Amino acid sequence: MDFKIIKSPSDGVVNMIQNRLPKSRIRVDLKYDSVGLLQGKLSEMLWAADIAEKAADVTVEEIMGICPQHIAMIAIMGDTFSVETAIGALKAAFNDALNEGF
């Protein structure tokens, strides 16, 4: 999995995220302090979304795009502390899974 955090995303970044949300999920109120971006296998992204939503008060959305067939991306959105908490929980869970041989 590849992790990135954008603190105080610019309007242009927010527009790019909006444009990559599934049409049924487009939101006019999309404005968050931070956005965490994760890219990886679809199974990892589903697992990551579940962990992130349970770890912190964040919104998780699938980002549609030009990724290869078996690669997916999700955005974890919320206040900076919550996004950092969610990403920290994901990194810990990912490291635990690696250590356990998953």
PDB file of N, CA and C in Angstrom:
ATOM      1  N   MET A   1       0.837  -1.182   0.000  1.00  0.00           N
ATOM      2  CA  MET A   1       0.000   0.000   0.000  1.00  0.00           C
ATOM      3  C   MET A   1       0.876   1.238   0.000  1.00  0.00           C
ATOM      4  N   ASP A   2       0.406   2.242  -0.695  1.00  0.00           N
ATOM      5  CA  ASP A   2       1.100   3.519  -0.776  1.00  0.00           C
ATOM      6  C   ASP A   2       0.245   4.557  -0.048  1.00  0.00           C
ATOM      7  N   PHE A   3       0.828   5.282   0.918  1.00  0.00           N
ATOM      8  CA  PHE A   3       0.116   6.257   1.742  1.00  0.00           C
ATOM      9  C   PHE A   3       0.607   7.669   1.456  1.00  0.00           C
ATOM     10  N   LYS A   4      -0.292   8.613   1.381  1.00  0.00           N
ATOM     11  CA  LYS A   4       0.036  10.037   1.284  1.00  0.00           C
ATOM     12  C   LYS A   4      -1.014  10.813   2.072  1.00  0.00           C
ATOM     13  N   ILE A   5      -0.600  11.935   2.692  1.00  0.00           N
ATOM     14  CA  ILE A   5      -1.543  12.831   3.363  1.00  0.00           C
ATOM     15  C   ILE A   5      -1.376  14.222   2.765  1.00  0.00           C
ATOM     16  N   ILE A   6      -2.499  14.838   2.406  1.00  0.00           N
ATOM     17  CA  ILE A   6      -2.507  16.214   1.929  1.00  0.00           C
ATOM     18  C   ILE A   6      -3.209  17.041   3.007  1.00  0.00           C
ATOM     19  N   LYS A   7      -2.456  17.933   3.642  1.00  0.00           N
ATOM     20  CA  LYS A   7      -3.034  18.821   4.649  1.00  0.00           C
ATOM     21  C   LYS A   7      -3.493  20.097   3.966  1.00  0.00           C
ATOM     22  N   SER A   8      -4.660  20.568   4.332  1.00  0.00           N
ATOM     23  CA  SER A   8      -5.261  21.770   3.737  1.00  0.00           C
ATOM     24  C   SER A   8      -5.249  21.692   2.211  1.00  0.00           C
ATOM     25  N   PRO A   9      -5.962  20.701   1.637  1.00  0.00           N
ATOM     26  CA  PRO A   9      -5.938  20.559   0.177  1.00  0.00           C
ATOM     27  C   PRO A   9      -6.468  21.814  -0.518  1.00  0.00           C
ATOM     28  N   SER A  10      -5.821  22.139  -1.612  1.00  0.00           N
ATOM     29  CA  SER A  10      -6.240  23.310  -2.399  1.00  0.00           C
ATOM     30  C   SER A  10      -7.577  23.027  -3.073  1.00  0.00           C
ATOM     31  N   ASP A  11      -8.223  24.094  -3.541  1.00  0.00           N
ATOM     32  CA  ASP A  11      -9.486  23.927  -4.265  1.00  0.00           C
ATOM     33  C   ASP A  11      -9.303  23.049  -5.496  1.00  0.00           C
ATOM     34  N   GLY A  12      -8.143  23.171  -6.158  1.00  0.00           N
ATOM     35  CA  GLY A  12      -7.879  22.343  -7.334  1.00  0.00           C
ATOM     36  C   GLY A  12      -7.824  20.861  -6.994  1.00  0.00           C
ATOM     37  N   VAL A  13      -7.184  20.525  -5.883  1.00  0.00           N
ATOM     38  CA  VAL A  13      -7.117  19.123  -5.451  1.00  0.00           C
ATOM     39  C   VAL A  13      -8.506  18.621  -5.083  1.00  0.00           C
ATOM     40  N   VAL A  14      -9.275  19.448  -4.372  1.00  0.00           N
ATOM     41  CA  VAL A  14     -10.647  19.062  -4.014  1.00  0.00           C
ATOM     42  C   VAL A  14     -11.460  18.811  -5.281  1.00  0.00           C
ATOM     43  N   ASN A  15     -11.294  19.655  -6.296  1.00  0.00           N
ATOM     44  CA  ASN A  15     -12.012  19.457  -7.567  1.00  0.00           C
ATOM     45  C   ASN A  15     -11.583  18.168  -8.251  1.00  0.00           C
ATOM     46  N   MET A  16     -10.280  17.861  -8.221  1.00  0.00           N
ATOM     47  CA  MET A  16      -9.812  16.610  -8.833  1.00  0.00           C
ATOM     48  C   MET A  16     -10.417  15.400  -8.119  1.00  0.00           C
ATOM     49  N   ILE A  17     -10.473  15.456  -6.795  1.00  0.00           N
ATOM     50  CA  ILE A  17     -11.090  14.354  -6.041  1.00  0.00           C
ATOM     51  C   ILE A  17     -12.562  14.257  -6.393  1.00  0.00           C
ATOM     52  N   GLN A  18     -13.268  15.404  -6.407  1.00  0.00           N
ATOM     53  CA  GLN A  18     -14.691  15.413  -6.782  1.00  0.00           C
ATOM     54  C   GLN A  18     -14.912  14.745  -8.130  1.00  0.00           C
ATOM     55  N   ASN A  19     -14.048  15.071  -9.099  1.00  0.00           N
ATOM     56  CA  ASN A  19     -14.198  14.536 -10.455  1.00  0.00           C
ATOM     57  C   ASN A  19     -13.941  13.037 -10.526  1.00  0.00           C
ATOM     58  N   ARG A  20     -13.280  12.479  -9.535  1.00  0.00           N
ATOM     59  CA  ARG A  20     -12.956  11.050  -9.553  1.00  0.00           C
ATOM     60  C   ARG A  20     -13.853  10.219  -8.641  1.00  0.00           C
ATOM     61  N   LEU A  21     -14.822  10.875  -7.995  1.00  0.00           N
ATOM     62  CA  LEU A  21     -15.794  10.116  -7.209  1.00  0.00           C
ATOM     63  C   LEU A  21     -16.822   9.505  -8.158  1.00  0.00           C
ATOM     64  N   PRO A  22     -17.336   8.329  -7.810  1.00  0.00           N
ATOM     65  CA  PRO A  22     -18.428   7.784  -8.630  1.00  0.00           C
ATOM     66  C   PRO A  22     -19.562   8.803  -8.705  1.00  0.00           C
ATOM     67  N   LYS A  23     -20.226   8.901  -9.838  1.00  0.00           N
ATOM     68  CA  LYS A  23     -21.260   9.916 -10.065  1.00  0.00           C
ATOM     69  C   LYS A  23     -22.305   9.926  -8.941  1.00  0.00           C
ATOM     70  N   SER A  24     -22.643   8.782  -8.402  1.00  0.00           N
ATOM     71  CA  SER A  24     -23.653   8.711  -7.354  1.00  0.00           C
ATOM     72  C   SER A  24     -23.149   9.248  -6.019  1.00  0.00           C
ATOM     73  N   ARG A  25     -21.831   9.462  -5.891  1.00  0.00           N
ATOM     74  CA  ARG A  25     -21.245   9.886  -4.617  1.00  0.00           C
ATOM     75  C   ARG A  25     -20.740  11.322  -4.634  1.00  0.00           C
ATOM     76  N   ILE A  26     -20.908  12.046  -5.725  1.00  0.00           N
ATOM     77  CA  ILE A  26     -20.413  13.420  -5.798  1.00  0.00           C
ATOM     78  C   ILE A  26     -21.130  14.264  -4.748  1.00  0.00           C
ATOM     79  N   ARG A  27     -20.336  15.055  -4.022  1.00  0.00           N
ATOM     80  CA  ARG A  27     -20.867  15.867  -2.926  1.00  0.00           C
ATOM     81  C   ARG A  27     -20.456  17.313  -3.122  1.00  0.00           C
ATOM     82  N   VAL A  28     -21.421  18.211  -2.999  1.00  0.00           N
ATOM     83  CA  VAL A  28     -21.110  19.630  -3.138  1.00  0.00           C
ATOM     84  C   VAL A  28     -20.440  20.172  -1.876  1.00  0.00           C
ATOM     85  N   ASP A  29     -20.562  19.466  -0.761  1.00  0.00           N
ATOM     86  CA  ASP A  29     -19.994  19.941   0.505  1.00  0.00           C
ATOM     87  C   ASP A  29     -18.608  19.359   0.775  1.00  0.00           C
ATOM     88  N   LEU A  30     -17.936  18.874  -0.251  1.00  0.00           N
ATOM     89  CA  LEU A  30     -16.632  18.237  -0.073  1.00  0.00           C
ATOM     90  C   LEU A  30     -15.594  19.278   0.323  1.00  0.00           C
ATOM     91  N   LYS A  31     -15.353  19.397   1.604  1.00  0.00           N
ATOM     92  CA  LYS A  31     -14.337  20.322   2.120  1.00  0.00           C
ATOM     93  C   LYS A  31     -13.833  19.732   3.440  1.00  0.00           C
ATOM     94  N   TYR A  32     -12.585  19.330   3.443  1.00  0.00           N
ATOM     95  CA  TYR A  32     -11.994  18.716   4.617  1.00  0.00           C
ATOM     96  C   TYR A  32     -10.644  19.352   4.900  1.00  0.00           C
ATOM     97  N   ASP A  33     -10.214  19.270   6.167  1.00  0.00           N
ATOM     98  CA  ASP A  33      -8.908  19.811   6.553  1.00  0.00           C
ATOM     99  C   ASP A  33      -7.769  19.035   5.910  1.00  0.00           C
ATOM    100  N   SER A  34      -7.941  17.713   5.816  1.00  0.00           N
ATOM    101  CA  SER A  34      -6.891  16.849   5.266  1.00  0.00           C
ATOM    102  C   SER A  34      -7.507  15.706   4.477  1.00  0.00           C
ATOM    103  N   VAL A  35      -6.703  15.193   3.558  1.00  0.00           N
ATOM    104  CA  VAL A  35      -7.101  14.028   2.760  1.00  0.00           C
ATOM    105  C   VAL A  35      -5.947  13.035   2.779  1.00  0.00           C
ATOM    106  N   GLY A  36      -6.239  11.819   3.209  1.00  0.00           N
ATOM    107  CA  GLY A  36      -5.269  10.741   3.121  1.00  0.00           C
ATOM    108  C   GLY A  36      -5.561   9.938   1.870  1.00  0.00           C
ATOM    109  N   LEU A  37      -4.554   9.659   1.084  1.00  0.00           N
ATOM    110  CA  LEU A  37      -4.723   8.871  -0.145  1.00  0.00           C
ATOM    111  C   LEU A  37      -3.992   7.556   0.015  1.00  0.00           C
ATOM    112  N   LEU A  38      -4.673   6.472  -0.317  1.00  0.00           N
ATOM    113  CA  LEU A  38      -4.080   5.137  -0.262  1.00  0.00           C
ATOM    114  C   LEU A  38      -4.315   4.460  -1.590  1.00  0.00           C
ATOM    115  N   GLN A  39      -3.290   3.793  -2.070  1.00  0.00           N
ATOM    116  CA  GLN A  39      -3.397   3.050  -3.317  1.00  0.00           C
ATOM    117  C   GLN A  39      -2.857   1.659  -3.086  1.00  0.00           C
ATOM    118  N   GLY A  40      -3.554   0.675  -3.618  1.00  0.00           N
ATOM    119  CA  GLY A  40      -3.124  -0.712  -3.482  1.00  0.00           C
ATOM    120  C   GLY A  40      -4.122  -1.649  -4.130  1.00  0.00           C
ATOM    121  N   LYS A  41      -4.016  -2.908  -3.781  1.00  0.00           N
ATOM    122  CA  LYS A  41      -4.942  -3.913  -4.295  1.00  0.00           C
ATOM    123  C   LYS A  41      -6.345  -3.631  -3.761  1.00  0.00           C
ATOM    124  N   LEU A  42      -7.350  -4.033  -4.521  1.00  0.00           N
ATOM    125  CA  LEU A  42      -8.731  -3.793  -4.122  1.00  0.00           C
ATOM    126  C   LEU A  42      -9.017  -4.386  -2.744  1.00  0.00           C
ATOM    127  N   SER A  43      -8.554  -5.591  -2.489  1.00  0.00           N
ATOM    128  CA  SER A  43      -8.804  -6.217  -1.188  1.00  0.00           C
ATOM    129  C   SER A  43      -8.167  -5.411  -0.060  1.00  0.00           C
ATOM    130  N   GLU A  44      -6.985  -4.847  -0.302  1.00  0.00           N
ATOM    131  CA  GLU A  44      -6.320  -4.011   0.698  1.00  0.00           C
ATOM    132  C   GLU A  44      -7.100  -2.725   0.941  1.00  0.00           C
ATOM    133  N   MET A  45      -7.679  -2.152  -0.104  1.00  0.00           N
ATOM    134  CA  MET A  45      -8.410  -0.902   0.039  1.00  0.00           C
ATOM    135  C   MET A  45      -9.707  -1.103   0.817  1.00  0.00           C
ATOM    136  N   LEU A  46     -10.385  -2.215   0.581  1.00  0.00           N
ATOM    137  CA  LEU A  46     -11.593  -2.507   1.357  1.00  0.00           C
ATOM    138  C   LEU A  46     -11.243  -2.703   2.827  1.00  0.00           C
ATOM    139  N   TRP A  47     -10.175  -3.447   3.081  1.00  0.00           N
ATOM    140  CA  TRP A  47      -9.680  -3.683   4.442  1.00  0.00           C
ATOM    141  C   TRP A  47      -9.282  -2.354   5.085  1.00  0.00           C
ATOM    142  N   ALA A  48      -8.571  -1.504   4.335  1.00  0.00           N
ATOM    143  CA  ALA A  48      -8.109  -0.218   4.838  1.00  0.00           C
ATOM    144  C   ALA A  48      -9.283   0.714   5.152  1.00  0.00           C
ATOM    145  N   ALA A  49     -10.280   0.736   4.295  1.00  0.00           N
ATOM    146  CA  ALA A  49     -11.446   1.594   4.527  1.00  0.00           C
ATOM    147  C   ALA A  49     -12.135   1.209   5.827  1.00  0.00           C
ATOM    148  N   ASP A  50     -12.267  -0.073   6.072  1.00  0.00           N
ATOM    149  CA  ASP A  50     -12.906  -0.557   7.303  1.00  0.00           C
ATOM    150  C   ASP A  50     -12.103  -0.132   8.532  1.00  0.00           C
ATOM    151  N   ILE A  51     -10.794  -0.315   8.481  1.00  0.00           N
ATOM    152  CA  ILE A  51      -9.935   0.063   9.611  1.00  0.00           C
ATOM    153  C   ILE A  51      -9.990   1.577   9.842  1.00  0.00           C
ATOM    154  N   ALA A  52      -9.896   2.350   8.781  1.00  0.00           N
ATOM    155  CA  ALA A  52      -9.882   3.812   8.905  1.00  0.00           C
ATOM    156  C   ALA A  52     -11.173   4.334   9.539  1.00  0.00           C
ATOM    157  N   GLU A  53     -12.312   3.829   9.067  1.00  0.00           N
ATOM    158  CA  GLU A  53     -13.587   4.300   9.596  1.00  0.00           C
ATOM    159  C   GLU A  53     -13.791   3.888  11.052  1.00  0.00           C
ATOM    160  N   LYS A  54     -13.221   2.768  11.458  1.00  0.00           N
ATOM    161  CA  LYS A  54     -13.330   2.324  12.847  1.00  0.00           C
ATOM    162  C   LYS A  54     -12.339   3.037  13.759  1.00  0.00           C
ATOM    163  N   ALA A  55     -11.234   3.525  13.206  1.00  0.00           N
ATOM    164  CA  ALA A  55     -10.176   4.138  14.007  1.00  0.00           C
ATOM    165  C   ALA A  55     -10.415   5.620  14.282  1.00  0.00           C
ATOM    166  N   ALA A  56     -11.139   6.306  13.413  1.00  0.00           N
ATOM    167  CA  ALA A  56     -11.272   7.760  13.558  1.00  0.00           C
ATOM    168  C   ALA A  56     -12.551   8.235  12.870  1.00  0.00           C
ATOM    169  N   ASP A  57     -12.911   9.465  13.162  1.00  0.00           N
ATOM    170  CA  ASP A  57     -14.096  10.088  12.569  1.00  0.00           C
ATOM    171  C   ASP A  57     -13.723  10.645  11.200  1.00  0.00           C
ATOM    172  N   VAL A  58     -13.681   9.755  10.210  1.00  0.00           N
ATOM    173  CA  VAL A  58     -13.300  10.122   8.844  1.00  0.00           C
ATOM    174  C   VAL A  58     -14.352   9.619   7.865  1.00  0.00           C
ATOM    175  N   THR A  59     -14.317  10.202   6.682  1.00  0.00           N
ATOM    176  CA  THR A  59     -15.142   9.745   5.562  1.00  0.00           C
ATOM    177  C   THR A  59     -14.210   9.081   4.564  1.00  0.00           C
ATOM    178  N   VAL A  60     -14.587   7.909   4.098  1.00  0.00           N
ATOM    179  CA  VAL A  60     -13.765   7.183   3.119  1.00  0.00           C
ATOM    180  C   VAL A  60     -14.548   7.064   1.820  1.00  0.00           C
ATOM    181  N   GLU A  61     -13.901   7.431   0.732  1.00  0.00           N
ATOM    182  CA  GLU A  61     -14.514   7.348  -0.595  1.00  0.00           C
ATOM    183  C   GLU A  61     -13.563   6.659  -1.559  1.00  0.00           C
ATOM    184  N   GLU A  62     -14.127   5.872  -2.452  1.00  0.00           N
ATOM    185  CA  GLU A  62     -13.329   5.263  -3.519  1.00  0.00           C
ATOM    186  C   GLU A  62     -13.044   6.330  -4.565  1.00  0.00           C
ATOM    187  N   ILE A  63     -11.810   6.361  -5.044  1.00  0.00           N
ATOM    188  CA  ILE A  63     -11.420   7.290  -6.094  1.00  0.00           C
ATOM    189  C   ILE A  63     -11.322   6.503  -7.396  1.00  0.00           C
ATOM    190  N   MET A  64     -12.143   6.886  -8.353  1.00  0.00           N
ATOM    191  CA  MET A  64     -12.141   6.218  -9.650  1.00  0.00           C
ATOM    192  C   MET A  64     -11.065   6.864 -10.513  1.00  0.00           C
ATOM    193  N   GLY A  65     -10.459   6.082 -11.384  1.00  0.00           N
ATOM    194  CA  GLY A  65      -9.428   6.697 -12.212  1.00  0.00           C
ATOM    195  C   GLY A  65      -8.846   5.751 -13.217  1.00  0.00           C
ATOM    196  N   ILE A  66      -7.563   5.954 -13.489  1.00  0.00           N
ATOM    197  CA  ILE A  66      -6.900   5.211 -14.547  1.00  0.00           C
ATOM    198  C   ILE A  66      -5.948   4.160 -13.990  1.00  0.00           C
ATOM    199  N   CYS A  67      -6.146   3.779 -12.733  1.00  0.00           N
ATOM    200  CA  CYS A  67      -5.280   2.763 -12.141  1.00  0.00           C
ATOM    201  C   CYS A  67      -5.463   1.440 -12.879  1.00  0.00           C
ATOM    202  N   PRO A  68      -4.435   0.603 -12.893  1.00  0.00           N
ATOM    203  CA  PRO A  68      -4.585  -0.709 -13.516  1.00  0.00           C
ATOM    204  C   PRO A  68      -5.753  -1.481 -12.899  1.00  0.00           C
ATOM    205  N   GLN A  69      -6.162  -2.499 -13.586  1.00  0.00           N
ATOM    206  CA  GLN A  69      -7.375  -3.249 -13.244  1.00  0.00           C
ATOM    207  C   GLN A  69      -7.456  -3.684 -11.785  1.00  0.00           C
ATOM    208  N   HIS A  70      -6.374  -4.139 -11.192  1.00  0.00           N
ATOM    209  CA  HIS A  70      -6.434  -4.682  -9.842  1.00  0.00           C
ATOM    210  C   HIS A  70      -5.877  -3.721  -8.799  1.00  0.00           C
ATOM    211  N   ILE A  71      -5.729  -2.456  -9.151  1.00  0.00           N
ATOM    212  CA  ILE A  71      -5.240  -1.433  -8.232  1.00  0.00           C
ATOM    213  C   ILE A  71      -6.384  -0.458  -7.974  1.00  0.00           C
ATOM    214  N   ALA A  72      -6.561  -0.086  -6.730  1.00  0.00           N
ATOM    215  CA  ALA A  72      -7.632   0.836  -6.367  1.00  0.00           C
ATOM    216  C   ALA A  72      -7.054   1.958  -5.516  1.00  0.00           C
ATOM    217  N   MET A  73      -7.819   3.043  -5.399  1.00  0.00           N
ATOM    218  CA  MET A  73      -7.406   4.156  -4.551  1.00  0.00           C
ATOM    219  C   MET A  73      -8.601   4.606  -3.724  1.00  0.00           C
ATOM    220  N   ILE A  74      -8.322   4.957  -2.459  1.00  0.00           N
ATOM    221  CA  ILE A  74      -9.353   5.524  -1.616  1.00  0.00           C
ATOM    222  C   ILE A  74      -8.836   6.840  -1.042  1.00  0.00           C
ATOM    223  N   ALA A  75      -9.777   7.714  -0.722  1.00  0.00           N
ATOM    224  CA  ALA A  75      -9.475   8.968  -0.032  1.00  0.00           C
ATOM    225  C   ALA A  75     -10.079   8.879   1.359  1.00  0.00           C
ATOM    226  N   ILE A  76      -9.271   9.212   2.362  1.00  0.00           N
ATOM    227  CA  ILE A  76      -9.722   9.257   3.750  1.00  0.00           C
ATOM    228  C   ILE A  76      -9.762  10.734   4.111  1.00  0.00           C
ATOM    229  N   MET A  77     -10.962  11.258   4.363  1.00  0.00           N
ATOM    230  CA  MET A  77     -11.127  12.695   4.521  1.00  0.00           C
ATOM    231  C   MET A  77     -11.666  13.042   5.901  1.00  0.00           C
ATOM    232  N   GLY A  78     -11.171  14.141   6.439  1.00  0.00           N
ATOM    233  CA  GLY A  78     -11.627  14.617   7.737  1.00  0.00           C
ATOM    234  C   GLY A  78     -10.711  15.694   8.267  1.00  0.00           C
ATOM    235  N   ASP A  79     -10.813  15.963   9.573  1.00  0.00           N
ATOM    236  CA  ASP A  79      -9.890  16.922  10.158  1.00  0.00           C
ATOM    237  C   ASP A  79      -8.507  16.275  10.215  1.00  0.00           C
ATOM    238  N   THR A  80      -7.477  17.085  10.322  1.00  0.00           N
ATOM    239  CA  THR A  80      -6.102  16.587  10.230  1.00  0.00           C
ATOM    240  C   THR A  80      -5.809  15.512  11.270  1.00  0.00           C
ATOM    241  N   PHE A  81      -6.211  15.728  12.518  1.00  0.00           N
ATOM    242  CA  PHE A  81      -5.947  14.749  13.561  1.00  0.00           C
ATOM    243  C   PHE A  81      -6.600  13.404  13.240  1.00  0.00           C
ATOM    244  N   SER A  82      -7.844  13.423  12.784  1.00  0.00           N
ATOM    245  CA  SER A  82      -8.561  12.177  12.474  1.00  0.00           C
ATOM    246  C   SER A  82      -7.931  11.439  11.303  1.00  0.00           C
ATOM    247  N   VAL A  83      -7.535  12.171  10.264  1.00  0.00           N
ATOM    248  CA  VAL A  83      -6.892  11.532   9.108  1.00  0.00           C
ATOM    249  C   VAL A  83      -5.554  10.925   9.527  1.00  0.00           C
ATOM    250  N   GLU A  84      -4.771  11.666  10.311  1.00  0.00           N
ATOM    251  CA  GLU A  84      -3.496  11.125  10.788  1.00  0.00           C
ATOM    252  C   GLU A  84      -3.703   9.912  11.685  1.00  0.00           C
ATOM    253  N   THR A  85      -4.740   9.940  12.522  1.00  0.00           N
ATOM    254  CA  THR A  85      -5.064   8.789  13.377  1.00  0.00           C
ATOM    255  C   THR A  85      -5.429   7.577  12.529  1.00  0.00           C
ATOM    256  N   ALA A  86      -6.265   7.784  11.514  1.00  0.00           N
ATOM    257  CA  ALA A  86      -6.675   6.688  10.632  1.00  0.00           C
ATOM    258  C   ALA A  86      -5.479   6.103   9.885  1.00  0.00           C
ATOM    259  N   ILE A  87      -4.621   6.968   9.337  1.00  0.00           N
ATOM    260  CA  ILE A  87      -3.437   6.494   8.611  1.00  0.00           C
ATOM    261  C   ILE A  87      -2.498   5.761   9.566  1.00  0.00           C
ATOM    262  N   GLY A  88      -2.326   6.267  10.786  1.00  0.00           N
ATOM    263  CA  GLY A  88      -1.493   5.586  11.778  1.00  0.00           C
ATOM    264  C   GLY A  88      -2.021   4.196  12.104  1.00  0.00           C
ATOM    265  N   ALA A  89      -3.343   4.084  12.249  1.00  0.00           N
ATOM    266  CA  ALA A  89      -3.953   2.778  12.518  1.00  0.00           C
ATOM    267  C   ALA A  89      -3.747   1.836  11.342  1.00  0.00           C
ATOM    268  N   LEU A  90      -3.831   2.369  10.133  1.00  0.00           N
ATOM    269  CA  LEU A  90      -3.618   1.548   8.938  1.00  0.00           C
ATOM    270  C   LEU A  90      -2.180   1.062   8.843  1.00  0.00           C
ATOM    271  N   LYS A  91      -1.234   1.948   9.106  1.00  0.00           N
ATOM    272  CA  LYS A  91       0.171   1.549   9.051  1.00  0.00           C
ATOM    273  C   LYS A  91       0.464   0.475  10.088  1.00  0.00           C
ATOM    274  N   ALA A  92      -0.092   0.624  11.290  1.00  0.00           N
ATOM    275  CA  ALA A  92       0.114  -0.379  12.338  1.00  0.00           C
ATOM    276  C   ALA A  92      -0.510  -1.718  11.939  1.00  0.00           C
ATOM    277  N   ALA A  93      -1.727  -1.673  11.411  1.00  0.00           N
ATOM    278  CA  ALA A  93      -2.397  -2.913  10.994  1.00  0.00           C
ATOM    279  C   ALA A  93      -1.659  -3.573   9.836  1.00  0.00           C
ATOM    280  N   PHE A  94      -1.160  -2.764   8.898  1.00  0.00           N
ATOM    281  CA  PHE A  94      -0.429  -3.297   7.753  1.00  0.00           C
ATOM    282  C   PHE A  94       0.865  -3.943   8.218  1.00  0.00           C
ATOM    283  N   ASN A  95       1.595  -3.284   9.136  1.00  0.00           N
ATOM    284  CA  ASN A  95       2.830  -3.870   9.676  1.00  0.00           C
ATOM    285  C   ASN A  95       2.546  -5.156  10.445  1.00  0.00           C
ATOM    286  N   ASP A  96       1.458  -5.170  11.217  1.00  0.00           N
ATOM    287  CA  ASP A  96       1.080  -6.394  11.943  1.00  0.00           C
ATOM    288  C   ASP A  96       0.798  -7.531  10.966  1.00  0.00           C
ATOM    289  N   ALA A  97       0.071  -7.207   9.878  1.00  0.00           N
ATOM    290  CA  ALA A  97      -0.267  -8.227   8.892  1.00  0.00           C
ATOM    291  C   ALA A  97       1.004  -8.765   8.226  1.00  0.00           C
ATOM    292  N   LEU A  98       1.959  -7.887   7.939  1.00  0.00           N
ATOM    293  CA  LEU A  98       3.220  -8.334   7.342  1.00  0.00           C
ATOM    294  C   LEU A  98       3.994  -9.245   8.294  1.00  0.00           C
ATOM    295  N   ASN A  99       4.008  -8.875   9.569  1.00  0.00           N
ATOM    296  CA  ASN A  99       4.723  -9.676  10.566  1.00  0.00           C
ATOM    297  C   ASN A  99       4.078 -11.033  10.801  1.00  0.00           C
ATOM    298  N   GLU A 100       2.756 -11.100  10.576  1.00  0.00           N
ATOM    299  CA  GLU A 100       2.042 -12.363  10.754  1.00  0.00           C
ATOM    300  C   GLU A 100       2.043 -13.202   9.478  1.00  0.00           C
ATOM    301  N   GLY A 101       2.626 -12.686   8.413  1.00  0.00           N
ATOM    302  CA  GLY A 101       2.745 -13.435   7.174  1.00  0.00           C
ATOM    303  C   GLY A 101       1.547 -13.383   6.264  1.00  0.00           C
ATOM    304  N   PHE A 102       0.680 -12.378   6.426  1.00  0.00           N
ATOM    305  CA  PHE A 102      -0.483 -12.255   5.546  1.00  0.00           C
ATOM    306  C   PHE A 102      -0.110 -11.557   4.274  1.00  0.00           C
TER     307      PHE A 102
END
